[in-house]
Amino acid sequence: MSTPLRSLLQEPRPPSAPVRVWRDWALLAVVTVAGVLEGVLRQDLPLPGLSVLLTVGLAPLLLWRRTHPLAAVATTFGVVAVVDVGLIASDAPALDVYTMLYFLMLPYALFRWGSGREAVAGLAIILVAATLGFFVSWTGIADAIGGLAVLMSAFALGWAARSQHGARERRLEQAKSEERVLLARELHDTVAHHVSAIAVQAQAGRALAATHPSSPLEALEVIEVEASRTLAEMRAMVRVLRNEAPVDYAPQPGVADLERLAGASPAGPRVQVSVDGDVTSLPAAIDAAVFRIAQEAVTNARRHARNATVIDVCVDVDESTVTLVVRDDGDPAAADPAHEAGFGLTGMVERALLLGGVCRAGPGAGRGWAVNATLPLQVPA
């Protein structure tokens, strides 16, 4: 068996195939009404009763075209093949129902939502039915080639949509993975800082033990606190690290560096930063996360917000959480599509989740776009 065929047969179904939605019911209603009207109004329709029965009777299979693509294809084209065999045997005229064009949605769905084995089996069934259809209604080689081209276009469109969706999913996973690695690097720096503090306190305690008997006890208290923080940071680092990457020892920016965002670009909307609460006690990972999320949100607003004049960056620290809100005053109609185009939001959401918080983005109240993130003051173990 050739490698491409083996790869196709091993292709699994795409995850999360949409179940029936209101558009499916609307499509079914349109097809049913169109089939009935064609049967009633078309004077040149051969076998109108059988034509309407097949068109309307098979239409409900559209509701299962995504969740059961092979079953829908096998039933629809199998019935059509049996009818074509009967028409050939009885020398009856071929069916010619315009509404049956909705059949093309089934091979599209087969290649979009079916597994590789289902696609191969469904393709065989469709080709058998198409071949019988050519025998029943042969009108020349040009029409046969045209019909085959239309059928192949449905296959190609389904596979193209599947490939595009798969590529997007891979890019999303890559964005999440990159954010995990970056967060692990920052946690590594934090752990190194805590271990250094422990070593310094231990050395100081030993040096002062002879002259200041209380110094070792004070050093032990500091070591206990630093060790607890180190263990928490190490557990978080192990939990988020997914692949090996070189460690960056450069200092990570935090809330204190948010003012840099205001002067990052002389053009575009003005950036206003306000900080409320004590940010000096923020854990390094949380501190860096607030800056990264704010940086991504400001960058997105500068790129996509139309007619925006101001970008507000607000940080509020209370006893247990730090809240970040980044909003712009751009046009409401232009906010949604532009911001959903990139993968930066995926990274922001992933970083917040890894640190035990949440990050949401959407149209702001009245105008523009808003990013809201809430993070705990303690990194989860």
Protein backbone atom coordinates (compact mmCIF):
# COMPACT_ATOMS: atom_id res chain seq x y z
CA MET A 1 0.00 0.00 0.00
CA SER A 2 1.44 3.39 -1.00
CA THR A 3 2.31 5.91 1.66
CA PRO A 4 -0.25 8.58 0.58
CA LEU A 5 -3.09 6.03 0.60
CA ARG A 6 -2.00 4.63 3.96
CA SER A 7 -1.86 8.16 5.34
CA LEU A 8 -5.35 8.88 4.01
CA LEU A 9 -6.80 5.70 5.52
CA GLN A 10 -5.27 6.56 8.90
CA GLU A 11 -6.68 10.10 8.88
CA PRO A 12 -9.02 10.47 11.89
CA ARG A 13 -12.19 12.48 12.00
CA PRO A 14 -11.76 16.17 12.78
CA PRO A 15 -12.74 16.86 16.39
CA SER A 16 -15.83 18.77 17.46
CA ALA A 17 -17.99 18.36 14.38
CA PRO A 18 -20.90 20.82 14.75
CA VAL A 19 -24.21 19.21 15.61
CA ARG A 20 -27.41 20.47 14.01
CA VAL A 21 -27.88 24.23 14.23
CA TRP A 22 -30.68 26.50 13.07
CA ARG A 23 -29.08 26.92 9.65
CA ASP A 24 -29.46 23.19 9.03
CA TRP A 25 -33.18 23.35 9.70
CA ALA A 26 -33.47 26.41 7.47
CA LEU A 27 -31.60 24.57 4.70
CA LEU A 28 -33.92 21.58 5.06
CA ALA A 29 -36.97 23.82 4.82
CA VAL A 30 -35.64 25.56 1.70
CA VAL A 31 -34.81 22.26 -0.02
CA THR A 32 -38.19 20.77 0.84
CA VAL A 33 -40.15 23.78 -0.42
CA ALA A 34 -38.00 24.03 -3.56
CA GLY A 35 -38.46 20.33 -4.33
CA VAL A 36 -42.23 20.51 -3.96
CA LEU A 37 -42.51 23.69 -6.01
CA GLU A 38 -40.36 22.22 -8.78
CA GLY A 39 -42.53 19.12 -8.91
CA VAL A 40 -45.70 21.21 -9.12
CA LEU A 41 -44.54 23.98 -11.49
CA ARG A 42 -42.20 22.24 -13.90
CA GLN A 43 -44.14 20.94 -16.88
CA ASP A 44 -41.17 19.10 -18.41
CA LEU A 45 -40.20 17.21 -15.25
CA PRO A 46 -40.00 13.45 -15.98
CA LEU A 47 -41.59 11.17 -13.39
CA PRO A 48 -42.67 14.08 -11.16
CA GLY A 49 -44.01 11.91 -8.36
CA LEU A 50 -40.84 9.85 -8.02
CA SER A 51 -38.68 12.95 -8.45
CA VAL A 52 -40.38 14.86 -5.63
CA LEU A 53 -40.41 11.77 -3.42
CA LEU A 54 -36.67 11.26 -3.77
CA THR A 55 -35.80 14.95 -3.45
CA VAL A 56 -37.91 15.60 -0.36
CA GLY A 57 -37.49 12.17 1.20
CA LEU A 58 -33.69 12.28 1.18
CA ALA A 59 -33.42 15.92 2.27
CA PRO A 60 -33.55 15.16 6.06
CA LEU A 61 -30.17 13.41 5.72
CA LEU A 62 -28.66 16.88 5.48
CA LEU A 63 -29.17 17.12 9.23
CA TRP A 64 -26.67 14.30 9.81
CA ARG A 65 -24.15 15.19 7.11
CA ARG A 66 -21.50 16.34 9.62
CA THR A 67 -21.98 13.87 12.46
CA HIS A 68 -22.60 10.82 10.20
CA PRO A 69 -21.15 11.77 6.81
CA LEU A 70 -20.64 8.23 5.46
CA ALA A 71 -24.13 7.09 6.46
CA ALA A 72 -25.70 10.14 4.79
CA VAL A 73 -23.68 9.59 1.59
CA ALA A 74 -24.31 5.82 1.51
CA THR A 75 -28.06 6.24 2.01
CA THR A 76 -28.53 9.09 -0.46
CA PHE A 77 -26.35 7.86 -3.30
CA GLY A 78 -27.28 4.23 -2.63
CA VAL A 79 -30.96 5.01 -3.09
CA VAL A 80 -30.19 7.02 -6.23
CA ALA A 81 -28.12 4.12 -7.62
CA VAL A 82 -30.97 1.65 -7.01
CA VAL A 83 -33.43 3.99 -8.71
CA ASP A 84 -31.06 4.40 -11.69
CA VAL A 85 -30.79 0.62 -12.04
CA GLY A 86 -34.59 0.43 -12.09
CA LEU A 87 -34.78 3.16 -14.70
CA ILE A 88 -32.22 1.38 -16.89
CA ALA A 89 -34.14 -1.90 -16.61
CA SER A 90 -37.49 -0.28 -17.44
CA ASP A 91 -36.08 2.03 -20.11
CA ALA A 92 -37.72 4.97 -18.30
CA PRO A 93 -36.52 8.56 -18.65
CA ALA A 94 -33.85 9.76 -16.27
CA LEU A 95 -34.59 11.97 -13.30
CA ASP A 96 -33.78 15.64 -13.91
CA VAL A 97 -34.49 17.58 -10.71
CA TYR A 98 -32.66 20.85 -10.23
CA THR A 99 -33.23 20.75 -6.46
CA MET A 100 -31.09 17.60 -6.24
CA LEU A 101 -28.06 19.89 -6.46
CA TYR A 102 -28.13 19.84 -2.66
CA PHE A 103 -26.66 16.32 -2.98
CA LEU A 104 -23.30 18.02 -3.55
CA MET A 105 -23.27 19.10 0.10
CA LEU A 106 -22.93 15.46 1.13
CA PRO A 107 -19.59 14.69 -0.59
CA TYR A 108 -18.34 18.06 0.68
CA ALA A 109 -19.29 17.09 4.24
CA LEU A 110 -17.80 13.61 3.76
CA PHE A 111 -14.35 15.00 2.98
CA ARG A 112 -14.70 17.83 5.52
CA TRP A 113 -15.86 15.83 8.53
CA GLY A 114 -15.33 12.13 7.76
CA SER A 115 -12.32 9.96 8.58
CA GLY A 116 -9.98 8.79 5.86
CA ARG A 117 -11.60 5.36 5.63
CA GLU A 118 -15.05 6.93 5.47
CA ALA A 119 -13.90 9.25 2.69
CA VAL A 120 -12.56 6.35 0.59
CA ALA A 121 -15.68 4.23 1.13
CA GLY A 122 -17.99 7.17 0.42
CA LEU A 123 -16.02 8.08 -2.71
CA ALA A 124 -16.52 4.56 -4.08
CA ILE A 125 -20.27 4.73 -3.43
CA ILE A 126 -20.57 8.15 -5.07
CA LEU A 127 -18.59 7.11 -8.15
CA VAL A 128 -20.77 4.02 -8.63
CA ALA A 129 -23.93 6.14 -8.38
CA ALA A 130 -22.48 8.78 -10.72
CA THR A 131 -21.52 6.13 -13.29
CA LEU A 132 -25.02 4.69 -13.27
CA GLY A 133 -26.41 8.22 -13.60
CA PHE A 134 -24.29 8.79 -16.71
CA PHE A 135 -25.70 5.62 -18.28
CA VAL A 136 -29.28 6.66 -17.52
CA SER A 137 -28.98 10.23 -18.77
CA TRP A 138 -26.12 10.17 -21.29
CA THR A 139 -26.00 13.46 -23.19
CA GLY A 140 -22.45 13.44 -24.42
CA ILE A 141 -18.87 13.38 -23.24
CA ALA A 142 -18.81 17.12 -22.53
CA ASP A 143 -21.71 16.92 -20.07
CA ALA A 144 -20.17 13.86 -18.44
CA ILE A 145 -16.84 15.64 -17.92
CA GLY A 146 -18.65 18.73 -16.62
CA GLY A 147 -20.68 16.70 -14.13
CA LEU A 148 -17.58 14.86 -12.95
CA ALA A 149 -15.75 18.18 -12.55
CA VAL A 150 -18.56 19.56 -10.39
CA LEU A 151 -18.49 16.42 -8.25
CA MET A 152 -14.72 16.59 -7.85
CA SER A 153 -15.02 20.26 -6.91
CA ALA A 154 -17.23 19.29 -3.99
CA PHE A 155 -14.59 16.80 -2.83
CA ALA A 156 -11.81 19.36 -3.24
CA LEU A 157 -13.67 22.10 -1.37
CA GLY A 158 -14.37 19.77 1.53
CA TRP A 159 -10.74 18.69 1.75
CA ALA A 160 -9.51 22.29 1.41
CA ALA A 161 -11.76 23.43 4.27
CA ARG A 162 -10.57 20.50 6.36
CA SER A 163 -6.90 21.31 5.66
CA GLN A 164 -7.35 25.01 6.41
CA HIS A 165 -9.06 24.24 9.70
CA GLY A 166 -6.32 21.76 10.61
CA ALA A 167 -3.62 24.31 9.83
CA ARG A 168 -5.36 26.89 12.02
CA GLU A 169 -5.62 24.39 14.88
CA ARG A 170 -1.92 23.61 14.58
CA ARG A 171 -1.08 27.32 14.67
CA LEU A 172 -3.22 27.72 17.77
CA GLU A 173 -1.46 24.84 19.48
CA GLN A 174 1.90 26.31 18.48
CA ALA A 175 0.92 29.66 19.99
CA LYS A 176 -0.10 27.92 23.23
CA SER A 177 3.13 25.91 23.29
CA GLU A 178 5.26 29.02 22.76
CA GLU A 179 3.44 30.75 25.62
CA ARG A 180 4.07 27.76 27.91
CA VAL A 181 7.78 27.76 27.08
CA LEU A 182 8.04 31.52 27.64
CA LEU A 183 6.24 31.23 30.98
CA ALA A 184 8.51 28.37 32.01
CA ARG A 185 11.57 30.52 31.25
CA GLU A 186 10.21 33.31 33.42
CA LEU A 187 9.43 30.87 36.24
CA HIS A 188 12.96 29.53 35.93
CA ASP A 189 14.33 33.02 36.53
CA THR A 190 12.08 33.40 39.56
CA VAL A 191 13.22 30.08 41.02
CA ALA A 192 16.86 31.04 40.47
CA HIS A 193 16.24 34.31 42.33
CA HIS A 194 14.67 32.52 45.31
CA VAL A 195 17.45 29.92 45.50
CA SER A 196 20.06 32.69 45.44
CA ALA A 197 18.27 34.43 48.32
CA ILE A 198 18.24 31.17 50.30
CA ALA A 199 21.96 30.70 49.75
CA VAL A 200 22.74 34.29 50.81
CA GLN A 201 20.66 33.98 53.99
CA ALA A 202 22.26 30.67 54.90
CA GLN A 203 25.76 32.13 54.45
CA ALA A 204 24.84 35.21 56.47
CA GLY A 205 23.42 33.08 59.27
CA ARG A 206 26.60 31.04 59.49
CA ALA A 207 28.83 34.12 59.43
CA LEU A 208 26.92 35.91 62.20
CA ALA A 209 26.16 32.90 64.38
CA ALA A 210 29.13 33.48 66.71
CA THR A 211 28.56 37.22 67.32
CA HIS A 212 24.75 37.44 66.97
CA PRO A 213 23.02 34.31 68.31
CA SER A 214 19.63 35.46 67.03
CA SER A 215 20.81 35.84 63.42
CA PRO A 216 20.52 32.13 62.47
CA LEU A 217 16.89 32.08 63.63
CA GLU A 218 16.06 35.15 61.54
CA ALA A 219 17.86 33.63 58.58
CA LEU A 220 15.91 30.39 58.97
CA GLU A 221 12.63 32.32 58.90
CA VAL A 222 13.62 34.02 55.63
CA ILE A 223 14.83 30.70 54.21
CA GLU A 224 11.51 29.06 55.08
CA VAL A 225 9.55 31.74 53.21
CA GLU A 226 11.87 31.68 50.21
CA ALA A 227 11.87 27.87 50.10
CA SER A 228 8.04 27.76 50.10
CA ARG A 229 7.91 30.23 47.24
CA THR A 230 10.58 28.26 45.38
CA LEU A 231 8.65 25.01 45.68
CA ALA A 232 5.49 26.67 44.38
CA GLU A 233 7.33 28.19 41.45
CA MET A 234 9.05 24.90 40.63
CA ARG A 235 5.76 23.00 40.64
CA ALA A 236 4.26 25.60 38.32
CA MET A 237 7.30 25.43 36.03
CA VAL A 238 7.13 21.63 35.80
CA ARG A 239 3.39 21.80 35.13
CA VAL A 240 3.61 24.24 32.22
CA LEU A 241 6.86 23.13 30.60
CA ARG A 242 6.06 20.99 27.59
CA ASN A 243 9.27 20.88 25.57
CA GLU A 244 12.92 21.62 26.06
CA ALA A 245 14.02 25.16 25.22
CA PRO A 246 17.03 27.36 25.92
CA VAL A 247 16.67 29.49 29.04
CA ASP A 248 16.67 33.26 28.70
CA TYR A 249 18.23 34.96 31.73
CA ALA A 250 17.27 38.50 30.70
CA PRO A 251 15.18 40.37 33.30
CA GLN A 252 11.46 40.09 32.59
CA PRO A 253 9.40 43.31 32.41
CA GLY A 254 6.51 43.73 34.81
CA VAL A 255 3.80 46.15 35.94
CA ALA A 256 6.39 48.80 36.71
CA ASP A 257 7.33 48.78 33.02
CA LEU A 258 3.81 49.41 31.68
CA GLU A 259 4.64 53.07 31.14
CA ARG A 260 6.91 51.90 28.31
CA LEU A 261 3.80 50.97 26.36
CA ALA A 262 2.69 54.59 26.31
CA GLY A 263 5.79 55.66 24.43
CA ALA A 264 6.24 52.53 22.32
CA SER A 265 4.83 54.19 19.20
CA PRO A 266 4.51 57.92 18.52
CA ALA A 267 1.78 57.28 15.94
CA GLY A 268 -1.66 55.86 16.56
CA PRO A 269 -3.91 56.14 19.61
CA ARG A 270 -2.57 57.48 22.90
CA VAL A 271 -1.92 54.92 25.68
CA GLN A 272 -2.94 55.82 29.24
CA VAL A 273 -1.70 53.64 32.12
CA SER A 274 -3.16 53.65 35.63
CA VAL A 275 -2.10 51.36 38.49
CA ASP A 276 -4.04 51.03 41.74
CA GLY A 277 -2.73 48.98 44.65
CA ASP A 278 0.58 47.59 45.84
CA VAL A 279 2.39 46.00 42.87
CA THR A 280 5.72 45.53 44.64
CA SER A 281 4.61 42.27 46.25
CA LEU A 282 3.43 40.62 43.02
CA PRO A 283 5.08 37.24 42.29
CA ALA A 284 7.47 37.51 39.37
CA ALA A 285 5.39 35.19 37.16
CA ILE A 286 2.19 37.19 37.78
CA ASP A 287 4.04 40.48 37.37
CA ALA A 288 5.44 39.40 34.00
CA ALA A 289 2.09 37.99 32.88
CA VAL A 290 0.30 41.28 33.48
CA PHE A 291 2.87 43.08 31.33
CA ARG A 292 2.75 40.47 28.54
CA ILE A 293 -1.04 40.49 28.35
CA ALA A 294 -1.17 44.29 28.41
CA GLN A 295 1.53 44.47 25.73
CA GLU A 296 -0.36 42.08 23.43
CA ALA A 297 -3.66 43.88 24.00
CA VAL A 298 -2.15 47.32 23.27
CA THR A 299 -0.43 45.96 20.15
CA ASN A 300 -3.71 44.50 18.88
CA ALA A 301 -5.55 47.76 19.57
CA ARG A 302 -2.96 49.79 17.68
CA ARG A 303 -3.13 47.43 14.72
CA HIS A 304 -6.85 46.81 14.45
CA ALA A 305 -8.88 49.46 16.30
CA ARG A 306 -10.32 51.84 13.73
CA ASN A 307 -10.57 55.53 14.55
CA ALA A 308 -9.35 54.90 18.11
CA THR A 309 -7.83 57.86 19.95
CA VAL A 310 -7.15 56.41 23.42
CA ILE A 311 -6.11 53.01 24.80
CA ASP A 312 -6.67 52.71 28.56
CA VAL A 313 -4.53 50.24 30.53
CA CYS A 314 -5.84 49.81 34.08
CA VAL A 315 -4.25 47.57 36.74
CA ASP A 316 -5.98 47.01 40.08
CA VAL A 317 -4.38 44.94 42.87
CA ASP A 318 -6.42 43.81 45.87
CA GLU A 319 -5.81 41.28 48.63
CA SER A 320 -6.01 38.16 46.48
CA THR A 321 -6.05 39.09 42.79
CA VAL A 322 -4.69 41.51 40.22
CA THR A 323 -7.07 42.70 37.53
CA LEU A 324 -5.98 44.09 34.17
CA VAL A 325 -8.34 45.91 31.79
CA VAL A 326 -7.20 47.19 28.40
CA ARG A 327 -9.82 49.00 26.33
CA ASP A 328 -9.86 51.31 23.33
CA ASP A 329 -12.44 53.74 21.98
CA GLY A 330 -12.44 52.53 18.37
CA ASP A 331 -15.47 52.00 16.15
CA PRO A 332 -17.76 49.26 17.54
CA ALA A 333 -18.46 47.74 14.11
CA ALA A 334 -14.76 47.30 13.37
CA ALA A 335 -13.76 45.74 16.66
CA ASP A 336 -14.79 42.11 16.42
CA PRO A 337 -13.48 40.72 13.09
CA ALA A 338 -10.09 42.37 13.26
CA HIS A 339 -9.17 41.17 16.72
CA GLU A 340 -10.15 37.57 16.06
CA ALA A 341 -7.81 37.30 13.07
CA GLY A 342 -4.57 36.68 14.99
CA PHE A 343 -3.25 34.22 17.54
CA GLY A 344 -2.04 36.68 20.17
CA LEU A 345 -5.27 36.31 22.12
CA THR A 346 -4.71 32.55 22.30
CA GLY A 347 -1.36 33.14 23.98
CA MET A 348 -2.87 35.60 26.47
CA VAL A 349 -5.66 33.19 27.41
CA GLU A 350 -3.20 30.29 27.73
CA ARG A 351 -0.84 32.27 29.98
CA ALA A 352 -3.71 33.34 32.26
CA LEU A 353 -5.02 29.76 32.53
CA LEU A 354 -1.59 28.36 33.36
CA LEU A 355 -1.30 30.84 36.23
CA GLY A 356 -4.74 30.00 37.59
CA GLY A 357 -6.52 33.06 36.18
CA VAL A 358 -8.80 34.00 33.31
CA CYS A 359 -8.50 36.27 30.29
CA ARG A 360 -11.38 37.36 28.09
CA ALA A 361 -11.63 39.66 25.11
CA GLY A 362 -14.62 41.10 23.30
CA PRO A 363 -16.41 44.26 22.22
CA GLY A 364 -16.30 46.97 24.85
CA ALA A 365 -19.30 48.61 26.45
CA GLY A 366 -20.45 51.05 23.82
CA ARG A 367 -17.28 51.35 21.75
CA GLY A 368 -14.05 49.61 20.88
CA TRP A 369 -12.55 46.40 22.17
CA ALA A 370 -11.72 45.34 25.73
CA VAL A 371 -9.38 42.73 27.20
CA ASN A 372 -10.04 41.69 30.82
CA ALA A 373 -7.64 39.48 32.77
CA THR A 374 -7.80 38.40 36.41
CA LEU A 375 -4.83 36.62 37.98
CA PRO A 376 -4.27 35.33 41.52
CA LEU A 377 -1.54 36.81 43.68
CA GLN A 378 -0.16 33.32 44.31
CA VAL A 379 1.09 31.05 41.53
CA PRO A 380 -0.86 27.76 41.75
CA ALA A 381 1.19 24.71 42.60
